[in-house]
N, C-alpha and C. Protein backbone atom coordinates (compact mmCIF):
# COMPACT_ATOMS: atom_id res chain seq x y z
N MET A 1 -4.16 -24.32 3.14
CA MET A 1 -4.04 -22.89 3.28
C MET A 1 -5.28 -22.21 2.70
N SER A 2 -5.68 -21.18 3.37
CA SER A 2 -6.90 -20.48 2.98
C SER A 2 -6.71 -18.98 3.18
N TRP A 3 -7.56 -18.21 2.54
CA TRP A 3 -7.49 -16.76 2.72
C TRP A 3 -7.91 -16.37 4.13
N LYS A 4 -8.51 -17.29 4.88
CA LYS A 4 -8.95 -17.00 6.25
C LYS A 4 -7.81 -17.08 7.26
N ASP A 5 -6.65 -17.59 6.85
CA ASP A 5 -5.51 -17.69 7.76
C ASP A 5 -4.83 -16.32 7.88
N PRO A 6 -4.81 -15.75 9.09
CA PRO A 6 -4.24 -14.40 9.24
C PRO A 6 -2.75 -14.35 8.91
N TRP A 7 -2.02 -15.41 9.20
CA TRP A 7 -0.58 -15.37 8.98
C TRP A 7 -0.24 -15.25 7.51
N ILE A 8 -1.10 -15.74 6.63
CA ILE A 8 -0.85 -15.61 5.19
C ILE A 8 -0.92 -14.14 4.79
N TRP A 9 -1.91 -13.43 5.30
CA TRP A 9 -2.04 -12.00 5.00
C TRP A 9 -0.82 -11.22 5.51
N VAL A 10 -0.37 -11.57 6.71
CA VAL A 10 0.77 -10.85 7.30
C VAL A 10 2.05 -11.14 6.51
N VAL A 11 2.26 -12.40 6.12
CA VAL A 11 3.45 -12.74 5.34
C VAL A 11 3.43 -12.04 3.98
N VAL A 12 2.26 -12.02 3.34
CA VAL A 12 2.15 -11.31 2.06
C VAL A 12 2.41 -9.82 2.26
N GLY A 13 1.89 -9.25 3.35
CA GLY A 13 2.14 -7.84 3.63
C GLY A 13 3.61 -7.54 3.86
N LEU A 14 4.30 -8.41 4.59
CA LEU A 14 5.73 -8.22 4.80
C LEU A 14 6.52 -8.37 3.50
N PHE A 15 6.10 -9.33 2.67
CA PHE A 15 6.75 -9.51 1.37
C PHE A 15 6.56 -8.27 0.50
N LEU A 16 5.35 -7.72 0.47
CA LEU A 16 5.09 -6.52 -0.32
C LEU A 16 5.87 -5.32 0.23
N GLY A 17 6.01 -5.26 1.56
CA GLY A 17 6.80 -4.19 2.16
C GLY A 17 8.27 -4.30 1.79
N ALA A 18 8.79 -5.52 1.76
CA ALA A 18 10.18 -5.72 1.34
C ALA A 18 10.35 -5.42 -0.14
N LEU A 19 9.36 -5.78 -0.92
CA LEU A 19 9.41 -5.49 -2.36
C LEU A 19 9.35 -3.98 -2.62
N GLU A 20 8.68 -3.25 -1.74
CA GLU A 20 8.62 -1.80 -1.87
C GLU A 20 10.00 -1.18 -1.70
N MET A 21 10.85 -1.81 -0.90
CA MET A 21 12.20 -1.28 -0.73
C MET A 21 13.03 -1.47 -2.00
N VAL A 22 12.73 -2.51 -2.76
CA VAL A 22 13.46 -2.76 -3.99
C VAL A 22 12.89 -1.93 -5.13
N LEU A 23 11.56 -1.81 -5.17
CA LEU A 23 10.87 -1.06 -6.23
C LEU A 23 10.09 0.09 -5.61
N PRO A 24 10.77 1.19 -5.22
CA PRO A 24 10.07 2.27 -4.54
C PRO A 24 9.06 2.97 -5.44
N GLY A 25 7.99 3.42 -4.83
CA GLY A 25 6.97 4.14 -5.57
C GLY A 25 5.73 4.39 -4.74
N PHE A 26 5.72 3.94 -3.51
CA PHE A 26 4.61 4.10 -2.56
C PHE A 26 3.34 3.37 -3.00
N ILE A 27 3.43 2.48 -3.97
CA ILE A 27 2.26 1.71 -4.40
C ILE A 27 2.15 0.45 -3.56
N LEU A 28 3.21 -0.32 -3.49
CA LEU A 28 3.18 -1.58 -2.77
C LEU A 28 3.10 -1.37 -1.26
N LEU A 29 3.56 -0.22 -0.79
CA LEU A 29 3.52 0.06 0.64
C LEU A 29 2.09 0.10 1.15
N GLY A 30 1.19 0.65 0.38
CA GLY A 30 -0.21 0.70 0.77
C GLY A 30 -0.82 -0.69 0.82
N PHE A 31 -0.53 -1.51 -0.19
CA PHE A 31 -1.04 -2.88 -0.18
C PHE A 31 -0.43 -3.69 0.95
N ALA A 32 0.83 -3.43 1.28
CA ALA A 32 1.48 -4.12 2.40
C ALA A 32 0.78 -3.77 3.72
N ALA A 33 0.54 -2.50 3.93
CA ALA A 33 -0.15 -2.07 5.15
C ALA A 33 -1.57 -2.63 5.20
N GLY A 34 -2.25 -2.64 4.07
CA GLY A 34 -3.60 -3.19 4.01
C GLY A 34 -3.62 -4.67 4.32
N ALA A 35 -2.67 -5.41 3.76
CA ALA A 35 -2.62 -6.86 4.01
C ALA A 35 -2.31 -7.16 5.47
N ILE A 36 -1.42 -6.39 6.07
CA ILE A 36 -1.12 -6.60 7.48
C ILE A 36 -2.32 -6.24 8.34
N LEU A 37 -3.02 -5.17 7.99
CA LEU A 37 -4.24 -4.79 8.71
C LEU A 37 -5.30 -5.88 8.61
N VAL A 38 -5.51 -6.43 7.42
CA VAL A 38 -6.49 -7.50 7.24
C VAL A 38 -6.08 -8.71 8.06
N GLY A 39 -4.80 -9.05 8.05
CA GLY A 39 -4.32 -10.17 8.86
C GLY A 39 -4.58 -9.95 10.34
N GLY A 40 -4.35 -8.73 10.81
CA GLY A 40 -4.62 -8.43 12.22
C GLY A 40 -6.10 -8.50 12.55
N LEU A 41 -6.93 -7.98 11.66
CA LEU A 41 -8.38 -8.02 11.91
C LEU A 41 -8.92 -9.45 11.84
N LEU A 42 -8.36 -10.27 10.96
CA LEU A 42 -8.76 -11.67 10.93
C LEU A 42 -8.31 -12.40 12.20
N TRP A 43 -7.13 -12.03 12.67
CA TRP A 43 -6.59 -12.69 13.87
C TRP A 43 -7.45 -12.42 15.10
N ILE A 44 -7.94 -11.16 15.24
CA ILE A 44 -8.78 -10.87 16.40
C ILE A 44 -10.25 -11.16 16.15
N GLY A 45 -10.58 -11.56 14.92
CA GLY A 45 -11.93 -12.03 14.63
C GLY A 45 -12.93 -10.98 14.21
N LEU A 46 -12.49 -9.82 13.77
CA LEU A 46 -13.43 -8.77 13.39
C LEU A 46 -13.96 -8.90 11.97
N LEU A 47 -13.22 -9.59 11.09
CA LEU A 47 -13.69 -9.71 9.72
C LEU A 47 -14.54 -10.95 9.48
N GLY A 48 -14.43 -11.93 10.31
CA GLY A 48 -15.23 -13.14 10.14
C GLY A 48 -14.84 -13.91 8.89
N ASP A 49 -15.83 -14.38 8.14
CA ASP A 49 -15.58 -15.20 6.96
C ASP A 49 -15.91 -14.47 5.66
N SER A 50 -15.81 -13.17 5.66
CA SER A 50 -16.23 -12.38 4.50
C SER A 50 -15.01 -11.96 3.67
N LEU A 51 -14.82 -12.62 2.54
CA LEU A 51 -13.73 -12.24 1.64
C LEU A 51 -13.96 -10.87 1.01
N PRO A 52 -15.18 -10.53 0.57
CA PRO A 52 -15.37 -9.18 0.02
C PRO A 52 -15.06 -8.08 1.04
N LEU A 53 -15.39 -8.30 2.30
CA LEU A 53 -15.07 -7.31 3.32
C LEU A 53 -13.56 -7.21 3.52
N ALA A 54 -12.86 -8.33 3.47
CA ALA A 54 -11.40 -8.32 3.61
C ALA A 54 -10.76 -7.56 2.45
N ILE A 55 -11.25 -7.77 1.26
CA ILE A 55 -10.71 -7.05 0.10
C ILE A 55 -11.03 -5.56 0.18
N LEU A 56 -12.20 -5.22 0.68
CA LEU A 56 -12.57 -3.81 0.85
C LEU A 56 -11.66 -3.14 1.87
N VAL A 57 -11.40 -3.80 2.99
CA VAL A 57 -10.50 -3.24 4.01
C VAL A 57 -9.10 -3.08 3.43
N LEU A 58 -8.64 -4.08 2.68
CA LEU A 58 -7.33 -4.00 2.03
C LEU A 58 -7.26 -2.80 1.10
N ALA A 59 -8.28 -2.61 0.27
CA ALA A 59 -8.29 -1.51 -0.70
C ALA A 59 -8.35 -0.15 0.00
N LEU A 60 -9.20 -0.03 1.01
CA LEU A 60 -9.31 1.25 1.71
C LEU A 60 -8.04 1.59 2.47
N ALA A 61 -7.41 0.59 3.08
CA ALA A 61 -6.14 0.84 3.78
C ALA A 61 -5.05 1.23 2.79
N ALA A 62 -5.00 0.55 1.64
CA ALA A 62 -4.01 0.89 0.63
C ALA A 62 -4.21 2.31 0.12
N LEU A 63 -5.45 2.69 -0.11
CA LEU A 63 -5.76 4.04 -0.56
C LEU A 63 -5.39 5.08 0.50
N GLY A 64 -5.70 4.78 1.75
CA GLY A 64 -5.35 5.70 2.83
C GLY A 64 -3.86 5.89 2.98
N VAL A 65 -3.10 4.81 2.89
CA VAL A 65 -1.63 4.92 2.98
C VAL A 65 -1.09 5.67 1.77
N TRP A 66 -1.66 5.43 0.58
CA TRP A 66 -1.20 6.14 -0.60
C TRP A 66 -1.41 7.64 -0.46
N PHE A 67 -2.60 8.05 0.04
CA PHE A 67 -2.85 9.48 0.25
C PHE A 67 -1.93 10.06 1.31
N ALA A 68 -1.67 9.30 2.38
CA ALA A 68 -0.77 9.79 3.43
C ALA A 68 0.65 9.95 2.90
N MET A 69 1.13 8.98 2.13
CA MET A 69 2.48 9.08 1.59
C MET A 69 2.57 10.19 0.54
N ARG A 70 1.50 10.40 -0.20
CA ARG A 70 1.47 11.49 -1.17
C ARG A 70 1.57 12.83 -0.45
N LYS A 71 0.91 12.93 0.70
CA LYS A 71 0.95 14.16 1.49
C LYS A 71 2.34 14.38 2.09
N VAL A 72 2.95 13.31 2.57
CA VAL A 72 4.26 13.42 3.23
C VAL A 72 5.39 13.60 2.22
N ALA A 73 5.42 12.80 1.17
CA ALA A 73 6.56 12.79 0.27
C ALA A 73 6.24 13.29 -1.13
N GLY A 74 5.08 13.81 -1.34
CA GLY A 74 4.68 14.24 -2.68
C GLY A 74 5.18 15.62 -3.02
N VAL A 75 4.62 16.19 -4.06
CA VAL A 75 4.98 17.53 -4.50
C VAL A 75 4.44 18.55 -3.50
N ARG A 76 5.27 19.45 -3.10
CA ARG A 76 4.87 20.48 -2.15
C ARG A 76 4.09 21.59 -2.86
N PRO A 77 3.18 22.26 -2.16
CA PRO A 77 2.47 23.39 -2.77
C PRO A 77 3.44 24.50 -3.15
N GLY A 78 3.29 25.02 -4.34
CA GLY A 78 4.17 26.08 -4.80
C GLY A 78 5.44 25.58 -5.45
N GLN A 79 5.69 24.29 -5.37
CA GLN A 79 6.88 23.73 -5.98
C GLN A 79 6.62 23.52 -7.47
N THR A 80 7.48 24.09 -8.30
CA THR A 80 7.33 23.91 -9.74
C THR A 80 8.63 23.40 -10.31
N ARG A 81 8.52 22.72 -11.41
CA ARG A 81 9.70 22.23 -12.11
C ARG A 81 9.88 23.10 -13.36
N ILE A 82 11.06 23.67 -13.47
CA ILE A 82 11.37 24.52 -14.61
C ILE A 82 12.27 23.74 -15.55
N TRP A 83 11.79 23.60 -16.78
CA TRP A 83 12.56 22.89 -17.78
C TRP A 83 13.40 23.90 -18.56
N ASP A 84 14.70 23.72 -18.57
CA ASP A 84 15.56 24.62 -19.33
C ASP A 84 16.18 23.93 -20.55
N ARG A 85 15.95 22.65 -20.69
CA ARG A 85 16.50 21.92 -21.82
C ARG A 85 15.50 20.83 -22.21
N ASP A 86 15.28 20.69 -23.51
CA ASP A 86 14.39 19.66 -24.02
C ASP A 86 15.18 18.39 -24.31
N ILE A 87 14.59 17.26 -24.02
CA ILE A 87 15.27 15.98 -24.24
C ILE A 87 15.54 15.73 -25.74
N ASN A 88 14.76 16.36 -26.59
CA ASN A 88 14.92 16.16 -28.02
C ASN A 88 15.97 17.06 -28.65
N GLU A 89 16.49 18.00 -27.91
CA GLU A 89 17.53 18.88 -28.43
C GLU A 89 18.86 18.13 -28.43
N ASN A 90 19.64 18.35 -29.49
CA ASN A 90 20.93 17.66 -29.57
C ASN A 90 22.05 18.56 -29.14
């Protein structure tokens, strides 16, 4: 087994996607999408034998998905949280 095998990237991406369902936070979802993207690009031959390029694509895809999820499910403009009770009050 090698990092050049596309199916390994896809399986890791699916595992991270399943793990995201158990531990939600939109962190693992980006890495899952990035790993699946790298697997697809390796499968069609666009990444070649460059591990640094594969890691760069993984990181950029993860960052892009994180920004997209932050935009979709994040704090809305104008939304504020009003605290009416302090956790330290008895």
